[in-house]
C-alpha cells in the first residue's frame, strides 16, 4: 500500500491522509475521525479499508483549529480533543467534508463509486455530509447528536447503515429511537445494535473496545460497501 498526506484545497492547510489499495485504484471511501484527530488509530483504520481495496481519504476535520492533530487517548490528549470538539464549527466541518468528497471523487486513483464512513463525531459528519453532498453510501458508527439533525434526513437518499451500542452512555437510547423512527418507512437505512458501549470499534481505548461487536460491525460494513460501491 501507499500512504501519504495530500492537500484537499489549494493554498489552504486543509489536508487528508490518503491510503491507496494494493492494486493502486478502487472505489473511494472518505473516513471521518473521532475527536482525537487523524491519529494513528484512524490512520490504521484507513489502511485496513485500503487493504480491502478502497482508496481511503481521512480529511483533517480540525484543520481550522490545529492542523494535523494527532492525539493519544490519555488524559492530556483527551483534554485537548474535547477542547477542539467544543470549538469546532460543525457546519463548516460538513462543508469541508463535502469538499473532501468532491476531491476524492475526482482523484485519478478512484475508479467507481464513493462512500463515507465516520466514527463518533465523524459518524455525525458522515450522516450530515451524505445529506449535503453526493455519495453512494454512508456508514455511521455511534454518531453523536444525529437526532439533533433529523431535519436533513429527507436529503439523504443514498443507502446508509447505523451502528449503535445499546449501553452507550454518550448517546441516549431515546436519541437512537428518534433516528430509527425517522427512517422507519424508508428503504435506504439499516440499523445494527450491539450489546456494548460507546467507541466499541476503537482498540486504542481498551476499556471501550469490544472485539465481538467490532468484528461484527466491520463485517457488516464491508458487506454493505461491497453491495453499494463495488458493483
C-alpha atoms as a PDB file:
ATOM      1  CA  UNK A   1       0.000   0.000   0.000  1.00  0.00           C
ATOM      2  CA  UNK A   2       0.943   3.648  -0.407  1.00  0.00           C
ATOM      3  CA  UNK A   3       0.109   6.236   2.271  1.00  0.00           C
ATOM      4  CA  UNK A   4       0.642   9.986   2.113  1.00  0.00           C
ATOM      5  CA  UNK A   5      -0.831  13.336   3.147  1.00  0.00           C
ATOM      6  CA  UNK A   6      -2.452  15.304   0.319  1.00  0.00           C
ATOM      7  CA  UNK A   7      -3.797  18.858   0.040  1.00  0.00           C
ATOM      8  CA  UNK A   8      -7.564  18.909  -0.354  1.00  0.00           C
ATOM      9  CA  UNK A   9      -7.864  22.642  -1.022  1.00  0.00           C
ATOM     10  CA  UNK A  10      -5.146  24.521  -2.921  1.00  0.00           C
ATOM     11  CA  UNK A  11      -3.453  27.328  -0.990  1.00  0.00           C
ATOM     12  CA  UNK A  12      -5.038  26.125   2.292  1.00  0.00           C
ATOM     13  CA  UNK A  13      -3.635  23.938   5.083  1.00  0.00           C
ATOM     14  CA  UNK A  14      -6.601  21.581   4.617  1.00  0.00           C
ATOM     15  CA  UNK A  15      -5.175  18.140   4.010  1.00  0.00           C
ATOM     16  CA  UNK A  16      -6.018  14.494   4.457  1.00  0.00           C
ATOM     17  CA  UNK A  17      -4.374  11.133   4.996  1.00  0.00           C
ATOM     18  CA  UNK A  18      -4.640   9.163   1.758  1.00  0.00           C
ATOM     19  CA  UNK A  19      -4.170   5.397   1.751  1.00  0.00           C
ATOM     20  CA  UNK A  20      -4.148   3.525  -1.551  1.00  0.00           C
ATOM     21  CA  UNK A  21      -5.070  -0.142  -2.033  1.00  0.00           C
ATOM     22  CA  UNK A  22      -2.568  -2.798  -3.148  1.00  0.00           C
ATOM     23  CA  UNK A  23      -3.609  -2.506  -6.804  1.00  0.00           C
ATOM     24  CA  UNK A  24      -3.407   1.288  -6.628  1.00  0.00           C
ATOM     25  CA  UNK A  25      -7.006   2.105  -7.535  1.00  0.00           C
ATOM     26  CA  UNK A  26     -10.535   1.277  -6.427  1.00  0.00           C
ATOM     27  CA  UNK A  27     -13.777   2.788  -5.134  1.00  0.00           C
ATOM     28  CA  UNK A  28     -13.405   5.867  -2.943  1.00  0.00           C
ATOM     29  CA  UNK A  29     -14.047   5.998   0.788  1.00  0.00           C
ATOM     30  CA  UNK A  30     -13.974   9.114   2.980  1.00  0.00           C
ATOM     31  CA  UNK A  31     -13.104   8.195   6.580  1.00  0.00           C
ATOM     32  CA  UNK A  32     -14.096  10.727   9.247  1.00  0.00           C
ATOM     33  CA  UNK A  33     -12.207  10.923  12.502  1.00  0.00           C
ATOM     34  CA  UNK A  34     -13.083  10.867  16.159  1.00  0.00           C
ATOM     35  CA  UNK A  35     -12.233  13.942  18.238  1.00  0.00           C
ATOM     36  CA  UNK A  36      -8.596  12.821  18.696  1.00  0.00           C
ATOM     37  CA  UNK A  37      -7.788  13.832  15.125  1.00  0.00           C
ATOM     38  CA  UNK A  38      -6.394  11.795  12.271  1.00  0.00           C
ATOM     39  CA  UNK A  39      -4.252   9.915  14.760  1.00  0.00           C
ATOM     40  CA  UNK A  40      -2.504   6.569  14.492  1.00  0.00           C
ATOM     41  CA  UNK A  41      -5.760   4.713  15.154  1.00  0.00           C
ATOM     42  CA  UNK A  42      -7.671   6.485  12.382  1.00  0.00           C
ATOM     43  CA  UNK A  43      -4.737   6.017  10.021  1.00  0.00           C
ATOM     44  CA  UNK A  44      -4.716   2.296  10.846  1.00  0.00           C
ATOM     45  CA  UNK A  45      -8.438   2.064  10.048  1.00  0.00           C
ATOM     46  CA  UNK A  46      -7.822   3.889   6.762  1.00  0.00           C
ATOM     47  CA  UNK A  47      -5.069   1.415   5.935  1.00  0.00           C
ATOM     48  CA  UNK A  48      -7.312  -1.548   6.754  1.00  0.00           C
ATOM     49  CA  UNK A  49     -10.023  -0.372   4.338  1.00  0.00           C
ATOM     50  CA  UNK A  50      -7.359   0.396   1.741  1.00  0.00           C
ATOM     51  CA  UNK A  51      -6.093  -3.168   2.171  1.00  0.00           C
ATOM     52  CA  UNK A  52      -9.650  -4.292   1.393  1.00  0.00           C
ATOM     53  CA  UNK A  53      -9.459  -2.454  -1.927  1.00  0.00           C
ATOM     54  CA  UNK A  54     -10.644   1.114  -1.351  1.00  0.00           C
ATOM     55  CA  UNK A  55      -8.939   4.443  -1.976  1.00  0.00           C
ATOM     56  CA  UNK A  56      -9.337   5.931   1.501  1.00  0.00           C
ATOM     57  CA  UNK A  57      -9.072   9.604   2.432  1.00  0.00           C
ATOM     58  CA  UNK A  58      -9.231  10.698   6.084  1.00  0.00           C
ATOM     59  CA  UNK A  59      -9.665  14.505   5.952  1.00  0.00           C
ATOM     60  CA  UNK A  60      -8.253  16.654   8.735  1.00  0.00           C
ATOM     61  CA  UNK A  61     -11.524  17.936  10.195  1.00  0.00           C
ATOM     62  CA  UNK A  62      -9.770  20.089  12.812  1.00  0.00           C
ATOM     63  CA  UNK A  63      -7.550  21.860  10.269  1.00  0.00           C
ATOM     64  CA  UNK A  64      -9.046  25.265  11.073  1.00  0.00           C
ATOM     65  CA  UNK A  65      -8.104  24.805  14.741  1.00  0.00           C
ATOM     66  CA  UNK A  66      -4.923  22.697  14.868  1.00  0.00           C
ATOM     67  CA  UNK A  67      -3.799  21.232  11.537  1.00  0.00           C
ATOM     68  CA  UNK A  68      -2.992  17.503  11.502  1.00  0.00           C
ATOM     69  CA  UNK A  69      -3.941  16.965  15.115  1.00  0.00           C
ATOM     70  CA  UNK A  70      -2.703  13.560  16.260  1.00  0.00           C
ATOM     71  CA  UNK A  71      -3.654  12.895  19.879  1.00  0.00           C
ATOM     72  CA  UNK A  72      -3.229   9.973  22.226  1.00  0.00           C
ATOM     73  CA  UNK A  73      -6.140   8.619  24.259  1.00  0.00           C
ATOM     74  CA  UNK A  74      -4.542   9.670  27.541  1.00  0.00           C
ATOM     75  CA  UNK A  75      -5.686  12.458  29.894  1.00  0.00           C
ATOM     76  CA  UNK A  76      -3.726  15.198  28.138  1.00  0.00           C
ATOM     77  CA  UNK A  77      -4.783  14.113  24.673  1.00  0.00           C
ATOM     78  CA  UNK A  78      -8.424  13.753  25.670  1.00  0.00           C
ATOM     79  CA  UNK A  79      -8.481  17.201  27.262  1.00  0.00           C
ATOM     80  CA  UNK A  80      -7.214  18.739  24.022  1.00  0.00           C
ATOM     81  CA  UNK A  81      -9.648  16.633  21.983  1.00  0.00           C
ATOM     82  CA  UNK A  82     -12.685  17.830  23.921  1.00  0.00           C
ATOM     83  CA  UNK A  83     -11.470  21.428  23.704  1.00  0.00           C
ATOM     84  CA  UNK A  84     -11.365  21.091  19.936  1.00  0.00           C
ATOM     85  CA  UNK A  85     -14.807  19.493  19.893  1.00  0.00           C
ATOM     86  CA  UNK A  86     -16.276  22.446  21.805  1.00  0.00           C
ATOM     87  CA  UNK A  87     -14.592  24.936  19.456  1.00  0.00           C
ATOM     88  CA  UNK A  88     -15.327  23.169  16.179  1.00  0.00           C
ATOM     89  CA  UNK A  89     -17.785  24.839  13.813  1.00  0.00           C
ATOM     90  CA  UNK A  90     -19.652  21.699  12.777  1.00  0.00           C
ATOM     91  CA  UNK A  91     -21.494  23.401   9.933  1.00  0.00           C
ATOM     92  CA  UNK A  92     -18.182  24.364   8.343  1.00  0.00           C
ATOM     93  CA  UNK A  93     -16.918  20.859   9.110  1.00  0.00           C
ATOM     94  CA  UNK A  94     -19.750  19.462   6.993  1.00  0.00           C
ATOM     95  CA  UNK A  95     -18.835  21.886   4.214  1.00  0.00           C
ATOM     96  CA  UNK A  96     -15.197  20.812   4.491  1.00  0.00           C
ATOM     97  CA  UNK A  97     -16.237  17.165   4.302  1.00  0.00           C
ATOM     98  CA  UNK A  98     -18.220  17.817   1.135  1.00  0.00           C
ATOM     99  CA  UNK A  99     -15.074  19.425  -0.295  1.00  0.00           C
ATOM    100  CA  UNK A 100     -13.129  16.278   0.618  1.00  0.00           C
ATOM    101  CA  UNK A 101     -15.775  14.100  -1.053  1.00  0.00           C
ATOM    102  CA  UNK A 102     -15.504  16.057  -4.296  1.00  0.00           C
ATOM    103  CA  UNK A 103     -11.705  15.949  -4.110  1.00  0.00           C
ATOM    104  CA  UNK A 104     -11.699  12.171  -3.691  1.00  0.00           C
ATOM    105  CA  UNK A 105     -14.274  11.575  -6.426  1.00  0.00           C
ATOM    106  CA  UNK A 106     -12.028  13.397  -8.886  1.00  0.00           C
ATOM    107  CA  UNK A 107      -8.852  11.624  -7.739  1.00  0.00           C
ATOM    108  CA  UNK A 108      -7.251   9.662 -10.589  1.00  0.00           C
ATOM    109  CA  UNK A 109      -6.960   6.513  -8.461  1.00  0.00           C
ATOM    110  CA  UNK A 110     -10.709   6.361  -7.783  1.00  0.00           C
ATOM    111  CA  UNK A 111     -12.453   4.211 -10.363  1.00  0.00           C
ATOM    112  CA  UNK A 112     -16.084   3.998  -9.459  1.00  0.00           C
ATOM    113  CA  UNK A 113     -18.331   4.979  -6.621  1.00  0.00           C
ATOM    114  CA  UNK A 114     -17.519   6.829  -3.386  1.00  0.00           C
ATOM    115  CA  UNK A 115     -18.815   6.360   0.161  1.00  0.00           C
ATOM    116  CA  UNK A 116     -18.308   7.978   3.548  1.00  0.00           C
ATOM    117  CA  UNK A 117     -17.731   6.345   6.941  1.00  0.00           C
ATOM    118  CA  UNK A 118     -17.337   8.056  10.306  1.00  0.00           C
ATOM    119  CA  UNK A 119     -16.846   7.293  13.984  1.00  0.00           C
ATOM    120  CA  UNK A 120     -18.365   9.273  16.903  1.00  0.00           C
ATOM    121  CA  UNK A 121     -18.054  12.931  15.778  1.00  0.00           C
ATOM    122  CA  UNK A 122     -17.233  11.500  12.367  1.00  0.00           C
ATOM    123  CA  UNK A 123     -20.423   9.441  12.474  1.00  0.00           C
ATOM    124  CA  UNK A 124     -22.486  12.608  12.747  1.00  0.00           C
ATOM    125  CA  UNK A 125     -20.467  14.277   9.998  1.00  0.00           C
ATOM    126  CA  UNK A 126     -20.851  11.204   7.767  1.00  0.00           C
ATOM    127  CA  UNK A 127     -24.619  11.430   8.125  1.00  0.00           C
ATOM    128  CA  UNK A 128     -24.766  15.182   7.520  1.00  0.00           C
ATOM    129  CA  UNK A 129     -22.266  15.222   4.652  1.00  0.00           C
ATOM    130  CA  UNK A 130     -24.086  12.340   2.939  1.00  0.00           C
ATOM    131  CA  UNK A 131     -27.201  14.509   3.065  1.00  0.00           C
ATOM    132  CA  UNK A 132     -25.355  17.618   1.870  1.00  0.00           C
ATOM    133  CA  UNK A 133     -23.037  16.048  -0.686  1.00  0.00           C
ATOM    134  CA  UNK A 134     -23.099  13.411  -3.389  1.00  0.00           C
ATOM    135  CA  UNK A 135     -22.027   9.969  -2.166  1.00  0.00           C
ATOM    136  CA  UNK A 136     -23.160   6.460  -2.965  1.00  0.00           C
ATOM    137  CA  UNK A 137     -23.157   5.055   0.588  1.00  0.00           C
ATOM    138  CA  UNK A 138     -22.773   6.181   4.203  1.00  0.00           C
ATOM    139  CA  UNK A 139     -21.785   4.355   7.402  1.00  0.00           C
ATOM    140  CA  UNK A 140     -22.284   5.967  10.802  1.00  0.00           C
ATOM    141  CA  UNK A 141     -20.603   4.399  13.833  1.00  0.00           C
ATOM    142  CA  UNK A 142     -22.178   5.694  17.079  1.00  0.00           C
ATOM    143  CA  UNK A 143     -22.650   9.175  15.621  1.00  0.00           C
ATOM    144  CA  UNK A 144     -23.318  11.708  18.366  1.00  0.00           C
ATOM    145  CA  UNK A 145     -26.204  14.191  18.080  1.00  0.00           C
ATOM    146  CA  UNK A 146     -27.598  12.816  14.834  1.00  0.00           C
ATOM    147  CA  UNK A 147     -31.003  13.166  16.484  1.00  0.00           C
ATOM    148  CA  UNK A 148     -30.434  16.941  16.528  1.00  0.00           C
ATOM    149  CA  UNK A 149     -30.083  16.991  12.746  1.00  0.00           C
ATOM    150  CA  UNK A 150     -33.050  14.951  11.596  1.00  0.00           C
ATOM    151  CA  UNK A 151     -34.231  17.926   9.539  1.00  0.00           C
ATOM    152  CA  UNK A 152     -31.794  16.841   6.806  1.00  0.00           C
ATOM    153  CA  UNK A 153     -32.871  13.179   6.795  1.00  0.00           C
ATOM    154  CA  UNK A 154     -35.028  13.650   3.687  1.00  0.00           C
ATOM    155  CA  UNK A 155     -31.948  14.865   1.813  1.00  0.00           C
ATOM    156  CA  UNK A 156     -30.100  11.604   2.480  1.00  0.00           C
ATOM    157  CA  UNK A 157     -31.011   9.426  -0.478  1.00  0.00           C
ATOM    158  CA  UNK A 158     -28.061   7.022  -0.615  1.00  0.00           C
ATOM    159  CA  UNK A 159     -28.003   3.711   1.292  1.00  0.00           C
ATOM    160  CA  UNK A 160     -26.900   4.212   4.901  1.00  0.00           C
ATOM    161  CA  UNK A 161     -26.183   1.981   7.892  1.00  0.00           C
ATOM    162  CA  UNK A 162     -26.051   2.983  11.549  1.00  0.00           C
ATOM    163  CA  UNK A 163     -24.058   1.105  14.195  1.00  0.00           C
ATOM    164  CA  UNK A 164     -25.040   1.742  17.838  1.00  0.00           C
ATOM    165  CA  UNK A 165     -24.193   0.270  21.221  1.00  0.00           C
ATOM    166  CA  UNK A 166     -27.203  -0.398  23.432  1.00  0.00           C
ATOM    167  CA  UNK A 167     -25.119   0.501  26.504  1.00  0.00           C
ATOM    168  CA  UNK A 168     -23.786   3.741  25.026  1.00  0.00           C
ATOM    169  CA  UNK A 169     -23.833   6.379  27.785  1.00  0.00           C
ATOM    170  CA  UNK A 170     -22.826   9.128  25.326  1.00  0.00           C
ATOM    171  CA  UNK A 171     -25.827   8.700  23.020  1.00  0.00           C
ATOM    172  CA  UNK A 172     -29.180   8.331  24.820  1.00  0.00           C
ATOM    173  CA  UNK A 173     -31.281   5.384  23.663  1.00  0.00           C
ATOM    174  CA  UNK A 174     -34.107   7.864  23.108  1.00  0.00           C
ATOM    175  CA  UNK A 175     -31.993   9.670  20.516  1.00  0.00           C
ATOM    176  CA  UNK A 176     -31.299   6.408  18.698  1.00  0.00           C
ATOM    177  CA  UNK A 177     -35.024   5.644  18.682  1.00  0.00           C
ATOM    178  CA  UNK A 178     -35.737   9.060  17.150  1.00  0.00           C
ATOM    179  CA  UNK A 179     -33.327   8.327  14.336  1.00  0.00           C
ATOM    180  CA  UNK A 180     -34.846   4.875  13.794  1.00  0.00           C
ATOM    181  CA  UNK A 181     -38.372   6.297  13.704  1.00  0.00           C
ATOM    182  CA  UNK A 182     -37.338   8.954  11.206  1.00  0.00           C
ATOM    183  CA  UNK A 183     -36.036   6.293   8.815  1.00  0.00           C
ATOM    184  CA  UNK A 184     -38.662   3.659   9.663  1.00  0.00           C
ATOM    185  CA  UNK A 185     -40.581   3.988   6.392  1.00  0.00           C
ATOM    186  CA  UNK A 186     -37.531   4.378   4.188  1.00  0.00           C
ATOM    187  CA  UNK A 187     -35.811   1.512   2.409  1.00  0.00           C
ATOM    188  CA  UNK A 188     -32.322   3.045   2.286  1.00  0.00           C
ATOM    189  CA  UNK A 189     -31.448   2.743   6.005  1.00  0.00           C
ATOM    190  CA  UNK A 190     -30.281  -0.212   8.108  1.00  0.00           C
ATOM    191  CA  UNK A 191     -29.679  -0.224  11.866  1.00  0.00           C
ATOM    192  CA  UNK A 192     -27.424  -2.593  13.792  1.00  0.00           C
ATOM    193  CA  UNK A 193     -27.395  -2.673  17.589  1.00  0.00           C
ATOM    194  CA  UNK A 194     -24.655  -4.192  19.748  1.00  0.00           C
ATOM    195  CA  UNK A 195     -24.757  -5.052  23.437  1.00  0.00           C
ATOM    196  CA  UNK A 196     -21.859  -2.780  24.278  1.00  0.00           C
ATOM    197  CA  UNK A 197     -20.991   0.857  24.903  1.00  0.00           C
ATOM    198  CA  UNK A 198     -19.622   3.842  23.032  1.00  0.00           C
ATOM    199  CA  UNK A 199     -16.455   3.646  20.941  1.00  0.00           C
ATOM    200  CA  UNK A 200     -16.566  -0.140  20.685  1.00  0.00           C
ATOM    201  CA  UNK A 201     -14.538  -0.141  17.465  1.00  0.00           C
ATOM    202  CA  UNK A 202     -11.565   1.751  18.951  1.00  0.00           C
ATOM    203  CA  UNK A 203      -8.820  -0.667  20.025  1.00  0.00           C
ATOM    204  CA  UNK A 204      -6.792   2.376  21.071  1.00  0.00           C
ATOM    205  CA  UNK A 205      -9.064   2.595  24.117  1.00  0.00           C
ATOM    206  CA  UNK A 206      -9.036  -0.941  25.557  1.00  0.00           C
ATOM    207  CA  UNK A 207     -11.627  -0.108  28.212  1.00  0.00           C
ATOM    208  CA  UNK A 208     -14.187   0.692  25.480  1.00  0.00           C
ATOM    209  CA  UNK A 209     -13.136  -1.694  22.730  1.00  0.00           C
ATOM    210  CA  UNK A 210     -15.368  -4.707  22.210  1.00  0.00           C
ATOM    211  CA  UNK A 211     -13.846  -7.295  19.882  1.00  0.00           C
ATOM    212  CA  UNK A 212     -17.044  -9.195  19.112  1.00  0.00           C
ATOM    213  CA  UNK A 213     -19.035  -6.060  18.297  1.00  0.00           C
ATOM    214  CA  UNK A 214     -16.177  -4.516  16.316  1.00  0.00           C
ATOM    215  CA  UNK A 215     -15.748  -7.621  14.161  1.00  0.00           C
ATOM    216  CA  UNK A 216     -19.494  -7.964  13.558  1.00  0.00           C
ATOM    217  CA  UNK A 217     -19.773  -4.290  12.620  1.00  0.00           C
ATOM    218  CA  UNK A 218     -16.768  -4.400  10.312  1.00  0.00           C
ATOM    219  CA  UNK A 219     -18.105  -7.486   8.548  1.00  0.00           C
ATOM    220  CA  UNK A 220     -21.474  -5.836   8.030  1.00  0.00           C
ATOM    221  CA  UNK A 221     -19.772  -2.656   6.848  1.00  0.00           C
ATOM    222  CA  UNK A 222     -17.625  -4.490   4.303  1.00  0.00           C
ATOM    223  CA  UNK A 223     -20.659  -6.402   3.030  1.00  0.00           C
ATOM    224  CA  UNK A 224     -22.553  -3.124   2.728  1.00  0.00           C
ATOM    225  CA  UNK A 225     -19.658  -1.489   0.855  1.00  0.00           C
ATOM    226  CA  UNK A 226     -19.403  -4.476  -1.480  1.00  0.00           C
ATOM    227  CA  UNK A 227     -23.090  -4.149  -2.299  1.00  0.00           C
ATOM    228  CA  UNK A 228     -23.071  -0.360  -2.726  1.00  0.00           C
ATOM    229  CA  UNK A 229     -19.653   0.622  -4.076  1.00  0.00           C
ATOM    230  CA  UNK A 230     -18.231  -2.469  -5.728  1.00  0.00           C
ATOM    231  CA  UNK A 231     -20.949  -3.355  -8.247  1.00  0.00           C
END
